[in-house]
Protein backbone atom coordinates (compact mmCIF):
# COMPACT_ATOMS: atom_id res chain seq x y z
CA UNK A 1 13.92 13.16 15.08
CA UNK A 2 10.71 10.97 14.11
CA UNK A 3 8.29 10.30 15.76
CA UNK A 4 6.72 7.69 13.53
CA UNK A 5 4.51 4.90 14.46
CA UNK A 6 6.36 2.07 13.19
CA UNK A 7 5.36 -1.33 11.73
CA UNK A 8 6.52 -4.55 13.54
CA UNK A 9 8.64 -7.03 12.21
CA UNK A 10 7.62 -10.10 10.86
CA UNK A 11 4.12 -11.42 11.70
CA UNK A 12 0.74 -12.30 11.25
CA UNK A 13 -0.94 -10.49 7.98
CA UNK A 14 -2.92 -7.34 8.37
CA UNK A 15 -5.43 -5.26 7.19
CA UNK A 16 -4.36 -2.10 5.38
CA UNK A 17 -7.11 0.34 4.97
CA UNK A 18 -6.47 2.62 2.06
CA UNK A 19 -7.18 6.45 1.55
CA UNK A 20 -6.54 7.80 -1.76
CA UNK A 21 -6.06 11.31 -1.93
CA UNK A 22 -6.46 13.78 -4.85
CA UNK A 23 -6.37 17.59 -4.20
CA UNK A 24 -7.41 17.08 -0.42
CA UNK A 25 -10.11 14.83 -1.15
CA UNK A 26 -10.56 11.31 -0.52
CA UNK A 27 -11.38 9.52 -3.88
CA UNK A 28 -10.99 6.11 -5.57
CA UNK A 29 -10.16 5.47 -8.96
CA UNK A 30 -11.12 2.63 -11.23
CA UNK A 31 -8.09 0.63 -12.41
CA UNK A 32 -6.13 3.73 -11.55
CA UNK A 33 -7.69 5.89 -14.22
CA UNK A 34 -8.15 9.36 -13.26
CA UNK A 35 -11.12 9.55 -15.77
CA UNK A 36 -12.73 6.79 -13.80
CA UNK A 37 -12.50 8.79 -10.35
CA UNK A 38 -15.16 8.23 -7.41
CA UNK A 39 -14.96 11.34 -5.20
CA UNK A 40 -16.08 10.41 -1.76
CA UNK A 41 -15.76 14.08 -0.52
CA UNK A 42 -14.73 13.34 3.01
CA UNK A 43 -12.10 15.07 5.53
CA UNK A 44 -9.24 12.41 5.10
CA UNK A 45 -8.18 12.96 8.96
CA UNK A 46 -11.99 11.89 9.89
CA UNK A 47 -11.72 8.94 7.56
CA UNK A 48 -8.27 8.00 9.02
CA UNK A 49 -9.75 7.88 12.64
CA UNK A 50 -12.80 6.63 11.48
CA UNK A 51 -10.77 3.19 10.28
CA UNK A 52 -8.91 3.54 13.70
CA UNK A 53 -12.39 3.28 15.72
CA UNK A 54 -13.20 0.09 13.72
CA UNK A 55 -10.06 -1.75 14.82
CA UNK A 56 -7.40 -0.97 12.23
CA UNK A 57 -4.00 -1.24 13.48
CA UNK A 58 -2.33 0.32 10.34
CA UNK A 59 -3.08 2.74 7.50
CA UNK A 60 -2.40 3.14 3.68
CA UNK A 61 -2.39 6.66 2.23
CA UNK A 62 -1.56 7.16 -1.30
CA UNK A 63 -1.66 10.94 -2.89
CA UNK A 64 -2.65 10.25 -6.33
CA UNK A 65 -2.27 13.72 -7.07
CA UNK A 66 1.05 13.60 -6.14
CA UNK A 67 1.79 10.37 -8.55
CA UNK A 68 -0.33 12.67 -11.72
CA UNK A 69 2.20 15.49 -11.11
CA UNK A 70 -0.55 17.50 -9.76
CA UNK A 71 -0.45 19.72 -6.30
CA UNK A 72 0.76 16.80 -3.67
CA UNK A 73 -1.72 16.16 0.01
CA UNK A 74 1.43 16.31 1.93
CA UNK A 75 -0.03 18.14 4.77
CA UNK A 76 -2.69 16.06 4.91
CA UNK A 77 -0.67 12.91 5.17
CA UNK A 78 1.63 14.43 7.84
CA UNK A 79 -1.63 15.28 10.05
CA UNK A 80 -3.17 11.90 9.78
CA UNK A 81 0.41 10.52 10.51
CA UNK A 82 0.53 12.81 13.90
CA UNK A 83 -3.23 12.42 14.88
CA UNK A 84 -3.56 8.70 14.60
CA UNK A 85 -2.16 6.20 16.89
CA UNK A 86 -1.10 3.57 14.33
CA UNK A 87 1.68 3.44 11.52
CA UNK A 88 0.85 4.80 8.26
CA UNK A 89 2.86 3.98 4.68
CA UNK A 90 1.86 6.36 2.07
CA UNK A 91 3.15 6.92 -1.76
CA UNK A 92 2.49 8.52 -4.63
CA UNK A 93 4.65 10.87 -6.24
CA UNK A 94 7.46 10.67 -4.03
CA UNK A 95 10.84 10.92 -5.94
CA UNK A 96 13.40 13.03 -4.10
CA UNK A 97 15.43 12.47 -1.04
CA UNK A 98 13.90 15.49 0.80
CA UNK A 99 10.36 14.44 0.26
CA UNK A 100 11.44 10.61 1.44
CA UNK A 101 12.68 12.83 4.39
CA UNK A 102 10.18 14.75 4.94
CA UNK A 103 7.56 12.15 5.42
CA UNK A 104 9.89 9.92 7.64
CA UNK A 105 10.71 12.63 9.79
CA UNK A 106 7.09 13.66 10.08
CA UNK A 107 5.53 10.54 11.48
CA UNK A 108 5.08 8.43 8.67
CA UNK A 109 6.16 4.83 9.29
CA UNK A 110 7.07 3.80 5.51
CA UNK A 111 7.10 5.34 2.47
CA UNK A 112 6.59 3.45 -0.68
CA UNK A 113 8.47 4.87 -3.68
CA UNK A 114 7.55 3.90 -7.54
CA UNK A 115 8.27 5.78 -10.66
CA UNK A 116 12.06 7.36 -9.76
CA UNK A 117 12.61 3.59 -7.40
CA UNK A 118 12.48 2.06 -11.40
CA UNK A 119 14.33 4.55 -13.21
CA UNK A 120 16.98 5.25 -10.97
CA UNK A 121 18.28 2.27 -8.93
CA UNK A 122 20.80 3.86 -7.69
CA UNK A 123 18.37 6.09 -5.59
CA UNK A 124 16.62 3.54 -4.04
CA UNK A 125 19.44 1.38 -2.67
CA UNK A 126 20.81 5.33 -1.20
CA UNK A 127 17.48 6.06 0.86
CA UNK A 128 17.53 2.14 1.59
CA UNK A 129 20.77 2.46 2.97
CA UNK A 130 20.10 6.32 4.74
CA UNK A 131 16.51 5.15 6.61
CA UNK A 132 16.74 1.11 6.82
CA UNK A 133 14.63 -1.32 4.64
CA UNK A 134 11.89 -0.80 7.16
CA UNK A 135 11.09 2.28 6.42
CA UNK A 136 11.40 2.09 2.51
CA UNK A 137 8.83 0.01 0.28
CA UNK A 138 8.31 -0.72 -2.99
CA UNK A 139 5.25 -0.13 -4.99
CA UNK A 140 5.08 -3.09 -7.75
CA UNK A 141 2.38 -1.96 -9.89
CA UNK A 142 1.46 -4.76 -12.28
CA UNK A 143 -0.52 -4.42 -15.69
CA UNK A 144 0.05 -8.43 -17.03
CA UNK A 145 3.67 -8.94 -16.82
CA UNK A 146 4.64 -5.08 -17.35
CA UNK A 147 5.12 -3.09 -14.57
CA UNK A 148 3.61 0.35 -14.77
CA UNK A 149 4.96 4.10 -13.37
CA UNK A 150 4.10 7.65 -13.60
CA UNK A 151 0.37 7.23 -11.80
CA UNK A 152 -0.08 3.93 -13.85
CA UNK A 153 -0.20 5.91 -17.05
CA UNK A 154 3.52 4.92 -18.51
CA UNK A 155 4.73 1.12 -18.92
CA UNK A 156 8.21 0.94 -17.83
CA UNK A 157 10.90 -1.14 -19.17
CA UNK A 158 10.56 -4.02 -16.77
CA UNK A 159 8.44 -7.06 -17.07
CA UNK A 160 7.69 -8.46 -13.18
CA UNK A 161 10.76 -10.50 -12.78
CA UNK A 162 13.31 -7.83 -13.93
CA UNK A 163 11.08 -5.58 -11.23
CA UNK A 164 12.02 -7.68 -8.39
CA UNK A 165 15.35 -8.41 -9.41
CA UNK A 166 15.82 -4.50 -9.40
CA UNK A 167 14.12 -4.25 -5.97
CA UNK A 168 15.88 -6.78 -4.70
CA UNK A 169 19.64 -6.10 -5.22
CA UNK A 170 18.60 -2.33 -3.71
CA UNK A 171 18.33 -4.10 -0.12
CA UNK A 172 14.50 -3.56 -0.25
CA UNK A 173 12.44 -5.75 1.90
CA UNK A 174 9.08 -4.83 1.66
CA UNK A 175 6.88 -4.39 -1.56
CA UNK A 176 3.40 -3.39 -2.15
CA UNK A 177 2.34 -5.60 -5.40
CA UNK A 178 -0.71 -4.22 -7.08
CA UNK A 179 -2.91 -5.73 -9.85
CA UNK A 180 -3.97 -2.46 -11.80
CA UNK A 181 -6.74 -4.67 -13.83
CA UNK A 182 -8.59 -5.30 -10.66
CA UNK A 183 -7.63 -2.21 -8.66
CA UNK A 184 -11.14 -0.36 -7.70
CA UNK A 185 -13.08 -2.99 -9.61
CA UNK A 186 -14.08 -4.80 -6.32
CA UNK A 187 -13.76 -8.01 -8.69
CA UNK A 188 -11.50 -9.97 -6.40
CA UNK A 189 -7.50 -9.88 -5.98
CA UNK A 190 -5.24 -11.68 -8.08
CA UNK A 191 -3.99 -14.25 -5.66
CA UNK A 192 -1.86 -15.72 -8.66
CA UNK A 193 0.62 -12.44 -8.55
CA UNK A 194 0.84 -12.66 -4.84
CA UNK A 195 1.86 -15.97 -4.66
CA UNK A 196 4.40 -15.09 -7.62
CA UNK A 197 5.95 -12.71 -5.51
CA UNK A 198 6.23 -14.70 -2.42
CA UNK A 199 7.52 -17.40 -3.59
CA UNK A 200 10.72 -15.16 -5.20
CA UNK A 201 11.54 -15.27 -1.37
CA UNK A 202 13.45 -12.06 0.51
CA UNK A 203 10.21 -9.80 0.39
CA UNK A 204 7.41 -8.90 2.54
CA UNK A 205 4.22 -8.60 0.22
CA UNK A 206 1.20 -6.44 0.74
CA UNK A 207 -1.55 -6.81 -1.74
CA UNK A 208 -3.45 -4.71 -2.99
CA UNK A 209 -6.24 -4.57 -5.83
CA UNK A 210 -9.92 -5.84 -6.36
CA UNK A 211 -11.10 -6.66 -2.67
CA UNK A 212 -14.61 -6.31 -2.54
CA UNK A 213 -16.02 -8.82 0.06
CA UNK A 214 -15.10 -10.45 3.18
CA UNK A 215 -14.33 -13.71 0.91
CA UNK A 216 -11.82 -11.77 -1.45
CA UNK A 217 -9.95 -11.06 1.75
CA UNK A 218 -9.92 -14.58 3.28
CA UNK A 219 -9.02 -15.64 -0.23
CA UNK A 220 -5.22 -13.92 0.17
CA UNK A 221 -5.12 -14.57 3.95
CA UNK A 222 -5.86 -18.25 2.77
CA UNK A 223 -2.31 -17.77 1.06
CA UNK A 224 -0.78 -18.28 4.50
CA UNK A 225 2.62 -17.56 3.24
CA UNK A 226 5.10 -16.05 6.37
CA UNK A 227 5.95 -13.19 3.89
CA UNK A 228 2.40 -11.95 3.39
CA UNK A 229 2.41 -8.49 5.30
CA UNK A 230 -1.17 -7.81 4.48
CA UNK A 231 -4.27 -6.68 1.90
CA UNK A 232 -5.41 -3.31 1.10
CA UNK A 233 -9.02 -2.70 1.26
CA UNK A 234 -10.08 0.49 -0.65
CA UNK A 235 -13.06 1.21 -2.55
CA UNK A 236 -15.17 -1.69 -0.67
CA UNK A 237 -14.70 0.07 2.79
CA UNK A 238 -16.32 3.31 1.47
CA UNK A 239 -19.17 1.32 -0.22
CA UNK A 240 -20.07 -0.56 2.60
CA UNK A 241 -19.21 -4.06 0.86
CA UNK A 242 -16.23 -4.88 3.73
CA UNK A 243 -16.96 -4.12 7.15
CA UNK A 244 -13.83 -3.56 8.42
CA UNK A 245 -13.94 -4.09 12.12
CA UNK A 246 -14.74 -7.64 10.49
CA UNK A 247 -11.93 -7.86 8.00
CA UNK A 248 -9.61 -6.98 11.13
CA UNK A 249 -11.10 -9.92 13.04
CA UNK A 250 -10.93 -12.21 10.14
CA UNK A 251 -7.12 -11.43 10.15
CA UNK A 252 -6.42 -12.09 13.33
CA UNK A 253 -8.16 -15.77 13.28
CA UNK A 254 -5.81 -16.15 10.82
CA UNK A 255 -3.09 -15.22 13.25
CA UNK A 256 -4.11 -17.42 15.43
CA UNK A 257 -5.66 -20.54 13.87
CA UNK A 258 -7.08 -22.06 17.38
CA UNK A 259 -9.35 -19.10 17.05
CA UNK A 260 -11.10 -20.68 13.58
CA UNK A 261 -9.37 -18.40 10.92
CA UNK A 262 -9.51 -21.06 8.56
């Protein structure tokens, strides 16, 4: 039986501080390219505890090594899930039933699927039915109109609309939407992409890619759509261009307009 801290149902958008793992190290990649890695060499659990101490009410942990076919960081992910008192979502290289079950039963709140989901819709539908839509998400990783897979190194046969059709048909209710060209660049998120997915309806959306300042966070929160679940902030936290406590406070003000979020 899982002892995971689960995400609540529909509610206000939140900040998802990112921890990207490769070989047990905390890293960031520019535009997802493994040859453009920034190595922060921090202990993943210490980083997670730092984000929680700063006010984070959830965590976003991605196993980049596993996405590239390298040794997975599963034990680090489970260690964070067990130790931290907030729900954690994780993705990266999760491509079979056993891997999904191990993470969910080990304390992870939600698993994000990518490559296998788009190549095998039957697998996606099966895990959604087995574990429930609240515990399965899909990473919709966009390079222009094309969805990319295999650690973002291969273009899938699907464009954005086709990918959204697939996840909706499988019973998915939550997606992580990443603008690959913005990811790790600190240059600002793709509001147009986030809006487009939200306007399809039927999906709650976590937006990722490009957050570099608190104003970038505000721009996504200002979309104001009830389906917006949150914003992922990664490199900007490590490099200090976004203060996590300030970002969390901003998201909470948007949740309560009487406090002046807008």
